[in-house]
C-alpha atoms as a PDB file:
ATOM      1  CA  UNK A   1      -3.465 -14.184  -1.426  1.00  0.00           C
ATOM      2  CA  UNK A   2      -6.892 -16.184  -0.228  1.00  0.00           C
ATOM      3  CA  UNK A   3      -7.048 -14.515   3.328  1.00  0.00           C
ATOM      4  CA  UNK A   4      -6.272 -10.863   1.976  1.00  0.00           C
ATOM      5  CA  UNK A   5      -8.836 -11.408  -0.846  1.00  0.00           C
ATOM      6  CA  UNK A   6     -11.227 -12.044   1.764  1.00  0.00           C
ATOM      7  CA  UNK A   7      -9.954  -9.188   4.140  1.00  0.00           C
ATOM      8  CA  UNK A   8     -10.680  -6.956   0.585  1.00  0.00           C
ATOM      9  CA  UNK A   9     -13.892  -8.380  -0.418  1.00  0.00           C
ATOM     10  CA  UNK A  10     -15.263  -7.952   3.121  1.00  0.00           C
ATOM     11  CA  UNK A  11     -14.093  -4.491   3.177  1.00  0.00           C
ATOM     12  CA  UNK A  12     -15.592  -3.176  -0.304  1.00  0.00           C
ATOM     13  CA  UNK A  13     -18.253  -5.494   0.133  1.00  0.00           C
ATOM     14  CA  UNK A  14     -18.211  -6.775  -3.156  1.00  0.00           C
ATOM     15  CA  UNK A  15     -18.752 -10.478  -3.882  1.00  0.00           C
ATOM     16  CA  UNK A  16     -19.316  -9.540  -7.999  1.00  0.00           C
ATOM     17  CA  UNK A  17     -15.234  -8.542  -8.761  1.00  0.00           C
ATOM     18  CA  UNK A  18     -12.970 -11.530  -9.599  1.00  0.00           C
ATOM     19  CA  UNK A  19     -10.353 -13.068  -7.572  1.00  0.00           C
ATOM     20  CA  UNK A  20      -7.795 -12.040 -10.654  1.00  0.00           C
ATOM     21  CA  UNK A  21      -8.865  -8.197 -10.506  1.00  0.00           C
ATOM     22  CA  UNK A  22      -8.613  -8.052  -6.650  1.00  0.00           C
ATOM     23  CA  UNK A  23      -5.391  -9.907  -6.791  1.00  0.00           C
ATOM     24  CA  UNK A  24      -3.909  -6.931  -9.013  1.00  0.00           C
ATOM     25  CA  UNK A  25      -5.843  -4.660  -6.392  1.00  0.00           C
ATOM     26  CA  UNK A  26      -3.238  -6.054  -3.993  1.00  0.00           C
ATOM     27  CA  UNK A  27      -0.352  -6.425  -5.430  1.00  0.00           C
ATOM     28  CA  UNK A  28      -0.593  -2.307  -6.506  1.00  0.00           C
ATOM     29  CA  UNK A  29      -1.131  -1.773  -3.198  1.00  0.00           C
ATOM     30  CA  UNK A  30       1.316  -4.262  -1.450  1.00  0.00           C
ATOM     31  CA  UNK A  31       3.983  -2.451  -4.272  1.00  0.00           C
ATOM     32  CA  UNK A  32       2.960   1.331  -3.104  1.00  0.00           C
ATOM     33  CA  UNK A  33       3.827   0.087   0.399  1.00  0.00           C
ATOM     34  CA  UNK A  34       7.046  -1.353  -0.890  1.00  0.00           C
ATOM     35  CA  UNK A  35       7.482   1.866  -2.246  1.00  0.00           C
ATOM     36  CA  UNK A  36       6.244   4.102   0.480  1.00  0.00           C
ATOM     37  CA  UNK A  37       8.214   2.174   2.721  1.00  0.00           C
ATOM     38  CA  UNK A  38      11.299   1.228   1.476  1.00  0.00           C
ATOM     39  CA  UNK A  39      11.036  -1.960   2.777  1.00  0.00           C
ATOM     40  CA  UNK A  40       9.316  -5.288   1.364  1.00  0.00           C
ATOM     41  CA  UNK A  41       6.200  -6.819   2.869  1.00  0.00           C
ATOM     42  CA  UNK A  42       6.416 -10.401   4.721  1.00  0.00           C
ATOM     43  CA  UNK A  43       3.656 -12.722   4.509  1.00  0.00           C
ATOM     44  CA  UNK A  44      -0.122 -11.488   4.494  1.00  0.00           C
ATOM     45  CA  UNK A  45      -0.501 -13.320   8.438  1.00  0.00           C
ATOM     46  CA  UNK A  46       2.807 -11.616   9.625  1.00  0.00           C
ATOM     47  CA  UNK A  47       2.503  -8.061   8.737  1.00  0.00           C
ATOM     48  CA  UNK A  48       1.495  -5.196  10.989  1.00  0.00           C
ATOM     49  CA  UNK A  49      -2.425  -4.344  11.070  1.00  0.00           C
ATOM     50  CA  UNK A  50      -2.028  -0.498  10.504  1.00  0.00           C
ATOM     51  CA  UNK A  51      -0.057  -2.398   7.272  1.00  0.00           C
ATOM     52  CA  UNK A  52      -2.540  -4.810   6.290  1.00  0.00           C
ATOM     53  CA  UNK A  53      -5.222  -2.064   6.780  1.00  0.00           C
ATOM     54  CA  UNK A  54      -3.515   0.933   4.585  1.00  0.00           C
ATOM     55  CA  UNK A  55      -3.176  -2.144   1.944  1.00  0.00           C
ATOM     56  CA  UNK A  56      -6.643  -2.662   2.025  1.00  0.00           C
ATOM     57  CA  UNK A  57      -7.957   0.653   1.757  1.00  0.00           C
ATOM     58  CA  UNK A  58      -5.097   1.279  -0.985  1.00  0.00           C
ATOM     59  CA  UNK A  59      -6.371  -1.788  -3.045  1.00  0.00           C
ATOM     60  CA  UNK A  60      -9.933  -0.789  -2.536  1.00  0.00           C
ATOM     61  CA  UNK A  61      -9.371   2.380  -3.718  1.00  0.00           C
ATOM     62  CA  UNK A  62      -7.843   1.039  -6.620  1.00  0.00           C
ATOM     63  CA  UNK A  63     -10.853  -0.970  -7.578  1.00  0.00           C
ATOM     64  CA  UNK A  64     -13.201   2.141  -7.375  1.00  0.00           C
ATOM     65  CA  UNK A  65     -10.864   4.189  -9.327  1.00  0.00           C
ATOM     66  CA  UNK A  66      -8.832   1.840 -12.168  1.00  0.00           C
ATOM     67  CA  UNK A  67      -6.300   5.067 -12.860  1.00  0.00           C
ATOM     68  CA  UNK A  68      -5.721   5.865  -9.863  1.00  0.00           C
ATOM     69  CA  UNK A  69      -1.277   6.143  -9.917  1.00  0.00           C
ATOM     70  CA  UNK A  70      -1.039   7.045  -5.863  1.00  0.00           C
ATOM     71  CA  UNK A  71      -2.718   5.207  -3.083  1.00  0.00           C
ATOM     72  CA  UNK A  72      -4.785   7.518  -0.919  1.00  0.00           C
ATOM     73  CA  UNK A  73      -3.205   9.419   1.815  1.00  0.00           C
ATOM     74  CA  UNK A  74      -5.627   7.001   4.644  1.00  0.00           C
ATOM     75  CA  UNK A  75      -3.469   4.912   3.806  1.00  0.00           C
ATOM     76  CA  UNK A  76      -0.566   6.603   3.795  1.00  0.00           C
ATOM     77  CA  UNK A  77      -1.507   8.225   7.037  1.00  0.00           C
ATOM     78  CA  UNK A  78      -1.304   4.275   7.989  1.00  0.00           C
ATOM     79  CA  UNK A  79       1.795   3.247   6.657  1.00  0.00           C
ATOM     80  CA  UNK A  80       3.744   6.454   7.999  1.00  0.00           C
ATOM     81  CA  UNK A  81       5.360   4.878  11.092  1.00  0.00           C
ATOM     82  CA  UNK A  82       7.099   2.536   8.553  1.00  0.00           C
ATOM     83  CA  UNK A  83       8.705   5.226   6.612  1.00  0.00           C
ATOM     84  CA  UNK A  84      12.574   5.211   6.200  1.00  0.00           C
ATOM     85  CA  UNK A  85      13.735   9.448   5.713  1.00  0.00           C
ATOM     86  CA  UNK A  86      17.068   9.617   3.761  1.00  0.00           C
ATOM     87  CA  UNK A  87      19.109  12.453   5.609  1.00  0.00           C
ATOM     88  CA  UNK A  88      20.474  14.533   2.370  1.00  0.00           C
ATOM     89  CA  UNK A  89      24.409  14.254   1.947  1.00  0.00           C
ATOM     90  CA  UNK A  90      26.803  16.919   2.434  1.00  0.00           C
ATOM     91  CA  UNK A  91      26.978  17.228  -1.145  1.00  0.00           C
ATOM     92  CA  UNK A  92      23.063  17.859  -1.382  1.00  0.00           C
ATOM     93  CA  UNK A  93      22.974  20.609   1.300  1.00  0.00           C
ATOM     94  CA  UNK A  94      26.559  22.672   0.303  1.00  0.00           C
ATOM     95  CA  UNK A  95      24.960  25.446  -1.202  1.00  0.00           C
ATOM     96  CA  UNK A  96      26.761  27.308  -4.653  1.00  0.00           C
ATOM     97  CA  UNK A  97      28.133  30.093  -4.159  1.00  0.00           C
END
């Protein structure tokens, strides 16, 4: 987690926020990625660069806007290639007549 906190500090330019607050923001944004992409994120070093960059952007957003419920669009765009789309079942496409 220390590598990701270091990257977040460099991105935000904030050296006064505690490591605990930074870690909370990173955990929140990683959960947002997992919810968006319906897959778990592995170790920080093995994550793809766009995924890491999106997590950093989402964590930055969460630090600046603590009441945020969703990640910013900039993070979602970076994560789009990892999104799994679900096709509707035949029951969902049948229309009641």
